[in-house]
């Protein structure tokens, strides 16, 4: 099963957390994603390199919950015990296009709960998503990453 997340980010102090619709390629399965800033701040760390800027997205403990319904009813809580730091790639924004933060099969610890067919023994997952990143204090400005001055 592949889950893809799309959509704008929820506005908040500091880093805006992802808050958009999700979809899956599994027939008969509905997906809902919730993020929760009340659990702690989401953090973005970026490291400039001429070969390509990389980053890490830190999710607070319990700050991301995915629920499935339909053929399979499960609840997956990412980073259930402590914050998780996921490797990411950074693509600079150009013109009207916002910079992008990409996660490709980023490993994250999870806790799965649910009915009889929910695979509760699974303790890790791989998240793939692409997020448009905007400055929460001035959405008209791009976030730029470059060499130290």
Foldseek 3Di string as FASTA:
>chain_A
DAKEFDDAFDFDPDFTHGDGAIDDPDPFKHKDKAFDCVLDDWDKAWDDDPVFIKIKIKHAAQGMWMFMDTPFTKIKGWNPPGIDIWIWGWAPADDPAAIKTWFDQTKTFIAMDDDDPTPRVDGIGGHTYMHRTADSVDRVDHDDDDDDD
